[in-house]
Amino acid sequence: MKCKKSRVILFRLLIVFVLLVIFSAFVFKNIILKKMLYPQGYKNYVETYSKEYNIDKNLVYSVIKCESNFESTAVSHMNAKGLMQISDMTGIWASEELKIKNFDTDSLFEPEVNILIGCWYLNKLINQFGDVETALAAYNAGSGNVSRWLANEEYSSDGIRLNYIPYKETRNYVKKVQQAKKIYEYLYR
């Protein structure tokens, strides 16, 4: 009788052990899968320029993920270019401010130039609007649109933060970047 109870206990322990191994493998595999879906591409450039412009590196990775999915040759329907989808106009303005030598709009396809300008521009928007969420809305819809929305009580109750983003694309963009940032923070803490 004791032998039978011992075997039952041993069998139950074995089942618990196997379940723990399976669960651990699933969690480990899931994290590896997520890291493949949420990579830290161009890490040297992201970490260098996010630090230089005092921006959370996970925010930069999230913007790149949502804008181009780490495709350096990406071009949007609005002709924004590269990893962080910089418009020609913003690129020219930034290159003058940053004194980037030999800049032309094709330089926006160069990962280092694109990430440098993207971080510089995000920093400008965060400083202008004082809020990351509002800065992300401006990154997507333009600072002129966001300034008008902040002045409209229908969209902002205090003129500082947006209560409602009238462009669906921009509303979805802000949510998508914020969600990606949470995933990056979780995966790479």
N, C-alpha and C. Protein backbone atom coordinates (compact mmCIF):
# COMPACT_ATOMS: atom_id res chain seq x y z
N MET A 1 0.82 -1.19 0.00
CA MET A 1 0.00 0.00 0.00
C MET A 1 0.87 1.26 0.00
N LYS A 2 1.92 1.26 0.87
CA LYS A 2 2.82 2.41 0.92
C LYS A 2 3.52 2.61 -0.42
N CYS A 3 3.90 1.52 -1.03
CA CYS A 3 4.58 1.57 -2.32
C CYS A 3 3.68 2.19 -3.38
N LYS A 4 2.40 1.84 -3.36
CA LYS A 4 1.45 2.38 -4.32
C LYS A 4 1.26 3.88 -4.10
N LYS A 5 1.16 4.32 -2.83
CA LYS A 5 1.02 5.75 -2.51
C LYS A 5 2.27 6.51 -2.94
N SER A 6 3.42 5.92 -2.74
CA SER A 6 4.68 6.56 -3.14
C SER A 6 4.73 6.75 -4.64
N ARG A 7 4.27 5.74 -5.38
CA ARG A 7 4.26 5.85 -6.84
C ARG A 7 3.27 6.93 -7.30
N VAL A 8 2.14 7.02 -6.65
CA VAL A 8 1.14 8.04 -7.00
C VAL A 8 1.72 9.43 -6.74
N ILE A 9 2.34 9.60 -5.60
CA ILE A 9 2.96 10.89 -5.27
C ILE A 9 4.06 11.21 -6.26
N LEU A 10 4.90 10.25 -6.54
CA LEU A 10 5.98 10.43 -7.49
C LEU A 10 5.43 10.76 -8.88
N PHE A 11 4.37 10.09 -9.30
CA PHE A 11 3.74 10.35 -10.59
C PHE A 11 3.18 11.77 -10.64
N ARG A 12 2.55 12.21 -9.55
CA ARG A 12 2.00 13.58 -9.49
C ARG A 12 3.11 14.61 -9.55
N LEU A 13 4.20 14.35 -8.86
CA LEU A 13 5.35 15.26 -8.91
C LEU A 13 5.92 15.33 -10.32
N LEU A 14 5.99 14.20 -10.97
CA LEU A 14 6.48 14.15 -12.33
C LEU A 14 5.57 14.97 -13.25
N ILE A 15 4.27 14.85 -13.09
CA ILE A 15 3.32 15.63 -13.90
C ILE A 15 3.52 17.12 -13.65
N VAL A 16 3.65 17.52 -12.38
CA VAL A 16 3.87 18.93 -12.05
C VAL A 16 5.17 19.40 -12.69
N PHE A 17 6.22 18.60 -12.62
CA PHE A 17 7.51 18.96 -13.21
C PHE A 17 7.38 19.15 -14.72
N VAL A 18 6.72 18.21 -15.38
CA VAL A 18 6.54 18.29 -16.83
C VAL A 18 5.73 19.53 -17.20
N LEU A 19 4.68 19.82 -16.44
CA LEU A 19 3.88 21.02 -16.71
C LEU A 19 4.70 22.29 -16.53
N LEU A 20 5.55 22.33 -15.51
CA LEU A 20 6.42 23.48 -15.30
C LEU A 20 7.41 23.64 -16.44
N VAL A 21 7.96 22.55 -16.92
CA VAL A 21 8.89 22.60 -18.06
C VAL A 21 8.16 23.12 -19.29
N ILE A 22 6.98 22.61 -19.56
CA ILE A 22 6.20 23.05 -20.73
C ILE A 22 5.86 24.52 -20.61
N PHE A 23 5.40 24.94 -19.43
CA PHE A 23 5.05 26.34 -19.19
C PHE A 23 6.26 27.24 -19.39
N SER A 24 7.41 26.84 -18.82
CA SER A 24 8.64 27.63 -18.96
C SER A 24 9.05 27.74 -20.41
N ALA A 25 8.96 26.64 -21.14
CA ALA A 25 9.32 26.66 -22.56
C ALA A 25 8.40 27.59 -23.33
N PHE A 26 7.12 27.56 -23.01
CA PHE A 26 6.16 28.44 -23.68
C PHE A 26 6.48 29.91 -23.40
N VAL A 27 6.73 30.24 -22.14
CA VAL A 27 7.04 31.62 -21.77
C VAL A 27 8.33 32.05 -22.45
N PHE A 28 9.37 31.22 -22.38
CA PHE A 28 10.66 31.55 -22.98
C PHE A 28 10.51 31.73 -24.49
N LYS A 29 9.80 30.80 -25.13
CA LYS A 29 9.58 30.88 -26.57
C LYS A 29 8.78 32.13 -26.91
N ASN A 30 7.79 32.43 -26.10
CA ASN A 30 6.94 33.60 -26.32
C ASN A 30 7.77 34.88 -26.25
N ILE A 31 8.69 34.96 -25.30
CA ILE A 31 9.54 36.14 -25.17
C ILE A 31 10.47 36.24 -26.38
N ILE A 32 11.03 35.13 -26.80
CA ILE A 32 11.89 35.14 -27.99
C ILE A 32 11.08 35.59 -29.20
N LEU A 33 9.87 35.08 -29.35
CA LEU A 33 9.01 35.46 -30.45
C LEU A 33 8.71 36.96 -30.41
N LYS A 34 8.39 37.47 -29.22
CA LYS A 34 8.10 38.90 -29.10
C LYS A 34 9.33 39.74 -29.44
N LYS A 35 10.51 39.27 -29.02
CA LYS A 35 11.73 40.03 -29.33
C LYS A 35 12.00 40.02 -30.84
N MET A 36 11.57 38.97 -31.52
CA MET A 36 11.70 38.96 -32.97
C MET A 36 10.71 39.95 -33.59
N LEU A 37 9.54 40.06 -33.01
CA LEU A 37 8.52 40.98 -33.52
C LEU A 37 8.80 42.43 -33.09
N TYR A 38 9.48 42.60 -31.97
CA TYR A 38 9.81 43.93 -31.44
C TYR A 38 11.32 44.02 -31.25
N PRO A 39 12.05 44.10 -32.36
CA PRO A 39 13.52 44.10 -32.26
C PRO A 39 14.06 45.45 -31.78
N GLN A 40 15.31 45.43 -31.41
CA GLN A 40 16.03 46.65 -31.09
C GLN A 40 17.03 46.92 -32.21
N GLY A 41 16.49 47.11 -33.40
CA GLY A 41 17.33 47.36 -34.55
C GLY A 41 18.04 48.70 -34.46
N TYR A 42 19.20 48.78 -35.08
CA TYR A 42 19.98 50.02 -35.13
C TYR A 42 20.28 50.53 -33.72
N LYS A 43 20.58 49.59 -32.84
CA LYS A 43 20.73 49.87 -31.41
C LYS A 43 21.74 50.98 -31.12
N ASN A 44 22.90 50.96 -31.80
CA ASN A 44 23.91 52.00 -31.54
C ASN A 44 23.36 53.39 -31.80
N TYR A 45 22.68 53.55 -32.94
CA TYR A 45 22.14 54.86 -33.30
C TYR A 45 21.01 55.26 -32.37
N VAL A 46 20.11 54.34 -32.08
CA VAL A 46 18.98 54.65 -31.21
C VAL A 46 19.48 55.06 -29.83
N GLU A 47 20.40 54.28 -29.28
CA GLU A 47 20.87 54.59 -27.92
C GLU A 47 21.69 55.87 -27.89
N THR A 48 22.50 56.10 -28.91
CA THR A 48 23.30 57.34 -28.96
C THR A 48 22.41 58.57 -29.03
N TYR A 49 21.49 58.58 -30.00
CA TYR A 49 20.70 59.80 -30.24
C TYR A 49 19.54 59.96 -29.26
N SER A 50 19.00 58.87 -28.74
CA SER A 50 17.96 59.03 -27.73
C SER A 50 18.57 59.63 -26.46
N LYS A 51 19.80 59.22 -26.16
CA LYS A 51 20.49 59.79 -24.99
C LYS A 51 20.84 61.25 -25.25
N GLU A 52 21.37 61.54 -26.44
CA GLU A 52 21.76 62.92 -26.77
C GLU A 52 20.56 63.87 -26.69
N TYR A 53 19.38 63.40 -27.09
CA TYR A 53 18.20 64.26 -27.11
C TYR A 53 17.23 63.97 -25.97
N ASN A 54 17.72 63.22 -24.98
CA ASN A 54 16.97 62.98 -23.74
C ASN A 54 15.56 62.41 -24.01
N ILE A 55 15.53 61.36 -24.82
CA ILE A 55 14.28 60.69 -25.16
C ILE A 55 14.40 59.24 -24.72
N ASP A 56 13.35 58.68 -24.19
CA ASP A 56 13.32 57.27 -23.81
C ASP A 56 13.60 56.43 -25.06
N LYS A 57 14.64 55.59 -24.98
CA LYS A 57 15.00 54.77 -26.14
C LYS A 57 13.85 53.85 -26.56
N ASN A 58 13.04 53.41 -25.60
CA ASN A 58 11.90 52.56 -25.95
C ASN A 58 10.86 53.32 -26.77
N LEU A 59 10.76 54.61 -26.55
CA LEU A 59 9.88 55.44 -27.37
C LEU A 59 10.40 55.49 -28.81
N VAL A 60 11.71 55.64 -28.95
CA VAL A 60 12.31 55.70 -30.29
C VAL A 60 12.11 54.36 -31.02
N TYR A 61 12.40 53.25 -30.31
CA TYR A 61 12.16 51.93 -30.93
C TYR A 61 10.70 51.79 -31.34
N SER A 62 9.79 52.28 -30.51
CA SER A 62 8.36 52.16 -30.79
C SER A 62 7.95 52.99 -32.00
N VAL A 63 8.50 54.18 -32.12
CA VAL A 63 8.20 55.01 -33.28
C VAL A 63 8.72 54.33 -34.55
N ILE A 64 9.94 53.80 -34.49
CA ILE A 64 10.49 53.11 -35.66
C ILE A 64 9.63 51.90 -36.01
N LYS A 65 9.26 51.12 -34.99
CA LYS A 65 8.43 49.94 -35.20
C LYS A 65 7.11 50.32 -35.90
N CYS A 66 6.47 51.37 -35.42
CA CYS A 66 5.17 51.76 -35.95
C CYS A 66 5.28 52.51 -37.29
N GLU A 67 6.34 53.24 -37.47
CA GLU A 67 6.48 54.02 -38.71
C GLU A 67 6.93 53.17 -39.89
N SER A 68 7.94 52.30 -39.68
CA SER A 68 8.55 51.60 -40.82
C SER A 68 8.79 50.12 -40.58
N ASN A 69 8.51 49.66 -39.38
CA ASN A 69 8.82 48.27 -39.00
C ASN A 69 10.30 47.95 -39.29
N PHE A 70 11.16 48.94 -39.01
CA PHE A 70 12.61 48.80 -39.14
C PHE A 70 13.08 48.62 -40.58
N GLU A 71 12.30 49.12 -41.53
CA GLU A 71 12.67 49.06 -42.95
C GLU A 71 13.25 50.42 -43.34
N SER A 72 14.56 50.47 -43.51
CA SER A 72 15.25 51.75 -43.75
C SER A 72 14.89 52.39 -45.09
N THR A 73 14.36 51.62 -46.02
CA THR A 73 13.99 52.18 -47.34
C THR A 73 12.50 52.47 -47.46
N ALA A 74 11.79 52.43 -46.35
CA ALA A 74 10.33 52.66 -46.38
C ALA A 74 10.01 54.08 -46.85
N VAL A 75 8.93 54.18 -47.62
CA VAL A 75 8.41 55.48 -48.07
C VAL A 75 6.90 55.44 -47.86
N SER A 76 6.37 56.45 -47.20
CA SER A 76 4.94 56.49 -46.91
C SER A 76 4.15 57.06 -48.09
N HIS A 77 2.83 56.99 -47.98
CA HIS A 77 1.97 57.58 -49.01
C HIS A 77 2.11 59.09 -49.06
N MET A 78 2.67 59.68 -47.99
CA MET A 78 2.92 61.13 -47.95
C MET A 78 4.38 61.45 -48.30
N ASN A 79 5.12 60.45 -48.76
CA ASN A 79 6.52 60.56 -49.17
C ASN A 79 7.48 60.78 -47.99
N ALA A 80 7.07 60.41 -46.79
CA ALA A 80 8.00 60.42 -45.66
C ALA A 80 8.94 59.24 -45.84
N LYS A 81 10.18 59.40 -45.39
CA LYS A 81 11.22 58.43 -45.74
C LYS A 81 11.92 57.83 -44.54
N GLY A 82 12.34 56.58 -44.74
CA GLY A 82 13.25 55.92 -43.81
C GLY A 82 12.61 55.38 -42.56
N LEU A 83 13.45 55.03 -41.62
CA LEU A 83 13.04 54.33 -40.40
C LEU A 83 12.00 55.10 -39.60
N MET A 84 12.22 56.40 -39.42
CA MET A 84 11.32 57.19 -38.60
C MET A 84 10.37 58.04 -39.44
N GLN A 85 10.36 57.76 -40.76
CA GLN A 85 9.43 58.41 -41.69
C GLN A 85 9.49 59.93 -41.59
N ILE A 86 10.63 60.47 -41.98
CA ILE A 86 10.87 61.91 -41.95
C ILE A 86 10.50 62.50 -43.32
N SER A 87 9.74 63.59 -43.30
CA SER A 87 9.39 64.25 -44.57
C SER A 87 10.61 65.01 -45.09
N ASP A 88 10.62 65.25 -46.37
CA ASP A 88 11.73 66.01 -46.98
C ASP A 88 11.87 67.38 -46.31
N MET A 89 10.73 68.04 -46.09
CA MET A 89 10.76 69.39 -45.50
C MET A 89 11.38 69.35 -44.09
N THR A 90 10.97 68.39 -43.28
CA THR A 90 11.53 68.26 -41.93
C THR A 90 13.02 67.90 -42.01
N GLY A 91 13.36 67.03 -42.95
CA GLY A 91 14.76 66.65 -43.12
C GLY A 91 15.64 67.83 -43.49
N ILE A 92 15.18 68.66 -44.42
CA ILE A 92 15.96 69.84 -44.83
C ILE A 92 16.11 70.80 -43.67
N TRP A 93 15.01 71.07 -42.97
CA TRP A 93 15.04 71.97 -41.81
C TRP A 93 16.01 71.43 -40.76
N ALA A 94 15.88 70.16 -40.41
CA ALA A 94 16.74 69.55 -39.39
C ALA A 94 18.20 69.57 -39.82
N SER A 95 18.46 69.27 -41.09
CA SER A 95 19.85 69.22 -41.55
C SER A 95 20.51 70.60 -41.45
N GLU A 96 19.73 71.65 -41.67
CA GLU A 96 20.26 73.01 -41.51
C GLU A 96 20.52 73.32 -40.04
N GLU A 97 19.56 72.98 -39.18
CA GLU A 97 19.71 73.22 -37.74
C GLU A 97 20.87 72.41 -37.15
N LEU A 98 21.01 71.17 -37.61
CA LEU A 98 22.04 70.27 -37.09
C LEU A 98 23.36 70.38 -37.84
N LYS A 99 23.37 71.20 -38.89
CA LYS A 99 24.56 71.39 -39.72
C LYS A 99 25.10 70.06 -40.26
N ILE A 100 24.18 69.27 -40.83
CA ILE A 100 24.56 68.01 -41.45
C ILE A 100 25.13 68.33 -42.83
N LYS A 101 26.39 67.98 -43.05
CA LYS A 101 27.05 68.29 -44.31
C LYS A 101 26.59 67.34 -45.41
N ASN A 102 26.54 67.87 -46.63
CA ASN A 102 26.20 67.10 -47.83
C ASN A 102 24.84 66.40 -47.72
N PHE A 103 23.90 67.02 -47.03
CA PHE A 103 22.57 66.43 -46.89
C PHE A 103 21.78 66.60 -48.18
N ASP A 104 21.13 65.56 -48.60
CA ASP A 104 20.06 65.66 -49.58
C ASP A 104 18.95 64.74 -49.09
N THR A 105 17.79 64.83 -49.68
CA THR A 105 16.65 64.09 -49.13
C THR A 105 16.84 62.57 -49.19
N ASP A 106 17.70 62.08 -50.06
CA ASP A 106 18.00 60.65 -50.06
C ASP A 106 18.78 60.23 -48.81
N SER A 107 19.39 61.20 -48.14
CA SER A 107 20.10 60.90 -46.88
C SER A 107 19.15 60.38 -45.82
N LEU A 108 17.85 60.64 -46.00
CA LEU A 108 16.86 60.17 -45.03
C LEU A 108 16.73 58.65 -45.02
N PHE A 109 17.28 58.00 -46.04
CA PHE A 109 17.28 56.53 -46.07
C PHE A 109 18.47 55.94 -45.31
N GLU A 110 19.41 56.79 -44.92
CA GLU A 110 20.56 56.34 -44.13
C GLU A 110 20.11 56.23 -42.68
N PRO A 111 20.20 55.05 -42.08
CA PRO A 111 19.70 54.86 -40.72
C PRO A 111 20.22 55.88 -39.70
N GLU A 112 21.51 56.17 -39.73
CA GLU A 112 22.03 57.10 -38.74
C GLU A 112 21.44 58.49 -38.90
N VAL A 113 21.39 58.98 -40.12
CA VAL A 113 20.83 60.32 -40.38
C VAL A 113 19.36 60.35 -39.99
N ASN A 114 18.62 59.33 -40.37
CA ASN A 114 17.19 59.29 -40.09
C ASN A 114 16.92 59.26 -38.59
N ILE A 115 17.64 58.44 -37.86
CA ILE A 115 17.43 58.34 -36.41
C ILE A 115 17.88 59.63 -35.71
N LEU A 116 18.98 60.21 -36.16
CA LEU A 116 19.44 61.49 -35.60
C LEU A 116 18.34 62.54 -35.76
N ILE A 117 17.83 62.69 -36.98
CA ILE A 117 16.79 63.71 -37.24
C ILE A 117 15.50 63.35 -36.50
N GLY A 118 15.13 62.08 -36.49
CA GLY A 118 13.92 61.67 -35.79
C GLY A 118 13.98 61.97 -34.30
N CYS A 119 15.10 61.69 -33.67
CA CYS A 119 15.25 61.97 -32.24
C CYS A 119 15.26 63.48 -31.98
N TRP A 120 15.97 64.21 -32.83
CA TRP A 120 16.00 65.67 -32.71
C TRP A 120 14.58 66.24 -32.81
N TYR A 121 13.82 65.75 -33.79
CA TYR A 121 12.47 66.25 -34.01
C TYR A 121 11.53 65.86 -32.88
N LEU A 122 11.60 64.62 -32.42
CA LEU A 122 10.79 64.20 -31.27
C LEU A 122 11.09 65.07 -30.05
N ASN A 123 12.36 65.35 -29.81
CA ASN A 123 12.75 66.21 -28.69
C ASN A 123 12.14 67.59 -28.84
N LYS A 124 12.19 68.14 -30.05
CA LYS A 124 11.59 69.46 -30.30
C LYS A 124 10.10 69.46 -29.99
N LEU A 125 9.41 68.41 -30.45
CA LEU A 125 7.96 68.33 -30.24
C LEU A 125 7.62 68.13 -28.76
N ILE A 126 8.38 67.30 -28.07
CA ILE A 126 8.13 67.09 -26.63
C ILE A 126 8.36 68.39 -25.88
N ASN A 127 9.41 69.12 -26.23
CA ASN A 127 9.67 70.42 -25.58
C ASN A 127 8.59 71.44 -25.94
N GLN A 128 8.14 71.43 -27.18
CA GLN A 128 7.10 72.38 -27.62
C GLN A 128 5.78 72.13 -26.91
N PHE A 129 5.38 70.87 -26.81
CA PHE A 129 4.05 70.55 -26.28
C PHE A 129 4.07 70.10 -24.82
N GLY A 130 5.25 69.75 -24.30
CA GLY A 130 5.37 69.40 -22.88
C GLY A 130 4.75 68.07 -22.50
N ASP A 131 4.44 67.25 -23.49
CA ASP A 131 3.73 66.00 -23.23
C ASP A 131 4.04 65.03 -24.37
N VAL A 132 4.44 63.80 -24.01
CA VAL A 132 4.82 62.82 -25.03
C VAL A 132 3.64 62.46 -25.92
N GLU A 133 2.47 62.25 -25.35
CA GLU A 133 1.30 61.86 -26.15
C GLU A 133 0.96 62.94 -27.17
N THR A 134 0.99 64.18 -26.76
CA THR A 134 0.70 65.30 -27.67
C THR A 134 1.79 65.41 -28.72
N ALA A 135 3.04 65.20 -28.30
CA ALA A 135 4.17 65.23 -29.25
C ALA A 135 4.02 64.14 -30.30
N LEU A 136 3.56 62.96 -29.89
CA LEU A 136 3.34 61.87 -30.86
C LEU A 136 2.24 62.24 -31.85
N ALA A 137 1.21 62.88 -31.36
CA ALA A 137 0.14 63.34 -32.26
C ALA A 137 0.70 64.33 -33.27
N ALA A 138 1.57 65.24 -32.81
CA ALA A 138 2.19 66.21 -33.70
C ALA A 138 3.16 65.54 -34.67
N TYR A 139 3.86 64.52 -34.22
CA TYR A 139 4.78 63.78 -35.09
C TYR A 139 4.00 63.17 -36.26
N ASN A 140 2.80 62.74 -36.00
CA ASN A 140 1.98 62.09 -37.03
C ASN A 140 1.18 63.10 -37.86
N ALA A 141 0.54 64.05 -37.21
CA ALA A 141 -0.40 64.94 -37.90
C ALA A 141 0.16 66.33 -38.19
N GLY A 142 1.31 66.64 -37.62
CA GLY A 142 1.90 67.96 -37.79
C GLY A 142 1.63 68.86 -36.60
N SER A 143 2.60 69.67 -36.25
CA SER A 143 2.46 70.52 -35.07
C SER A 143 1.41 71.61 -35.26
N GLY A 144 1.21 72.06 -36.50
CA GLY A 144 0.17 73.07 -36.76
C GLY A 144 -1.21 72.54 -36.44
N ASN A 145 -1.49 71.32 -36.87
CA ASN A 145 -2.79 70.71 -36.55
C ASN A 145 -2.97 70.56 -35.05
N VAL A 146 -1.95 70.07 -34.38
CA VAL A 146 -2.05 69.85 -32.93
C VAL A 146 -2.23 71.18 -32.20
N SER A 147 -1.53 72.22 -32.62
CA SER A 147 -1.71 73.54 -32.00
C SER A 147 -3.15 74.02 -32.15
N ARG A 148 -3.74 73.81 -33.32
CA ARG A 148 -5.15 74.19 -33.53
C ARG A 148 -6.08 73.35 -32.63
N TRP A 149 -5.79 72.07 -32.51
CA TRP A 149 -6.62 71.21 -31.66
C TRP A 149 -6.53 71.63 -30.20
N LEU A 150 -5.33 72.00 -29.76
CA LEU A 150 -5.17 72.43 -28.36
C LEU A 150 -5.93 73.73 -28.09
N ALA A 151 -6.08 74.56 -29.09
CA ALA A 151 -6.80 75.83 -28.94
C ALA A 151 -8.31 75.65 -29.01
N ASN A 152 -8.76 74.47 -29.36
CA ASN A 152 -10.18 74.18 -29.52
C ASN A 152 -10.69 73.40 -28.30
N GLU A 153 -11.64 73.98 -27.56
CA GLU A 153 -12.17 73.33 -26.35
C GLU A 153 -12.83 71.98 -26.64
N GLU A 154 -13.22 71.76 -27.87
CA GLU A 154 -13.81 70.48 -28.25
C GLU A 154 -12.77 69.35 -28.16
N TYR A 155 -11.49 69.69 -28.32
CA TYR A 155 -10.42 68.69 -28.33
C TYR A 155 -9.49 68.77 -27.11
N SER A 156 -9.46 69.92 -26.46
CA SER A 156 -8.58 70.09 -25.30
C SER A 156 -9.26 70.99 -24.27
N SER A 157 -9.39 70.48 -23.07
CA SER A 157 -10.06 71.27 -22.03
C SER A 157 -9.11 72.27 -21.37
N ASP A 158 -7.81 72.04 -21.49
CA ASP A 158 -6.86 72.93 -20.81
C ASP A 158 -5.85 73.60 -21.74
N GLY A 159 -5.91 73.30 -23.02
CA GLY A 159 -4.97 73.90 -23.98
C GLY A 159 -3.57 73.31 -23.89
N ILE A 160 -3.40 72.28 -23.08
CA ILE A 160 -2.08 71.65 -22.89
C ILE A 160 -2.08 70.21 -23.38
N ARG A 161 -3.13 69.48 -22.99
CA ARG A 161 -3.25 68.07 -23.38
C ARG A 161 -4.49 67.88 -24.25
N LEU A 162 -4.40 66.93 -25.14
CA LEU A 162 -5.55 66.63 -26.00
C LEU A 162 -6.47 65.64 -25.30
N ASN A 163 -7.73 65.99 -25.20
CA ASN A 163 -8.73 65.06 -24.67
C ASN A 163 -9.23 64.16 -25.79
N TYR A 164 -9.18 64.68 -27.00
CA TYR A 164 -9.67 63.94 -28.15
C TYR A 164 -8.83 64.33 -29.37
N ILE A 165 -8.42 63.35 -30.14
CA ILE A 165 -7.67 63.59 -31.37
C ILE A 165 -8.65 63.38 -32.53
N PRO A 166 -8.95 64.44 -33.28
CA PRO A 166 -9.98 64.32 -34.31
C PRO A 166 -9.61 63.45 -35.52
N TYR A 167 -8.32 63.30 -35.81
CA TYR A 167 -7.93 62.44 -36.92
C TYR A 167 -7.83 61.00 -36.43
N LYS A 168 -8.63 60.13 -37.01
CA LYS A 168 -8.62 58.72 -36.60
C LYS A 168 -7.23 58.09 -36.77
N GLU A 169 -6.58 58.39 -37.90
CA GLU A 169 -5.24 57.83 -38.15
C GLU A 169 -4.28 58.24 -37.04
N THR A 170 -4.33 59.50 -36.63
CA THR A 170 -3.44 60.00 -35.58
C THR A 170 -3.81 59.41 -34.23
N ARG A 171 -5.07 59.32 -33.95
CA ARG A 171 -5.55 58.70 -32.70
C ARG A 171 -5.03 57.26 -32.60
N ASN A 172 -5.17 56.50 -33.69
CA ASN A 172 -4.69 55.12 -33.71
C ASN A 172 -3.16 55.05 -33.63
N TYR A 173 -2.49 55.99 -34.28
CA TYR A 173 -1.03 56.03 -34.25
C TYR A 173 -0.51 56.22 -32.83
N VAL A 174 -1.08 57.18 -32.12
CA VAL A 174 -0.63 57.45 -30.75
C VAL A 174 -0.83 56.21 -29.87
N LYS A 175 -1.98 55.57 -30.00
CA LYS A 175 -2.24 54.35 -29.22
C LYS A 175 -1.26 53.24 -29.58
N LYS A 176 -1.02 53.09 -30.87
CA LYS A 176 -0.12 52.03 -31.35
C LYS A 176 1.31 52.23 -30.82
N VAL A 177 1.80 53.46 -30.86
CA VAL A 177 3.15 53.74 -30.36
C VAL A 177 3.21 53.52 -28.85
N GLN A 178 2.19 53.97 -28.13
CA GLN A 178 2.18 53.77 -26.68
C GLN A 178 2.14 52.29 -26.32
N GLN A 179 1.37 51.52 -27.06
CA GLN A 179 1.29 50.07 -26.83
C GLN A 179 2.64 49.40 -27.13
N ALA A 180 3.26 49.78 -28.23
CA ALA A 180 4.57 49.23 -28.58
C ALA A 180 5.60 49.58 -27.51
N LYS A 181 5.52 50.80 -26.98
CA LYS A 181 6.46 51.23 -25.93
C LYS A 181 6.32 50.35 -24.69
N LYS A 182 5.09 50.03 -24.31
CA LYS A 182 4.87 49.14 -23.16
C LYS A 182 5.48 47.77 -23.41
N ILE A 183 5.35 47.27 -24.62
CA ILE A 183 5.91 45.96 -24.97
C ILE A 183 7.44 46.02 -24.91
N TYR A 184 8.02 47.09 -25.46
CA TYR A 184 9.48 47.24 -25.39
C TYR A 184 9.96 47.30 -23.94
N GLU A 185 9.24 48.06 -23.12
CA GLU A 185 9.64 48.16 -21.71
C GLU A 185 9.57 46.81 -21.02
N TYR A 186 8.56 46.02 -21.34
CA TYR A 186 8.41 44.71 -20.75
C TYR A 186 9.52 43.76 -21.21
N LEU A 187 9.75 43.73 -22.52
CA LEU A 187 10.71 42.78 -23.09
C LEU A 187 12.16 43.10 -22.74
N TYR A 188 12.48 44.38 -22.64
CA TYR A 188 13.89 44.80 -22.50
C TYR A 188 14.16 45.53 -21.19
N ARG A 189 13.42 45.20 -20.15
CA ARG A 189 13.64 45.90 -18.88
C ARG A 189 14.97 45.51 -18.26
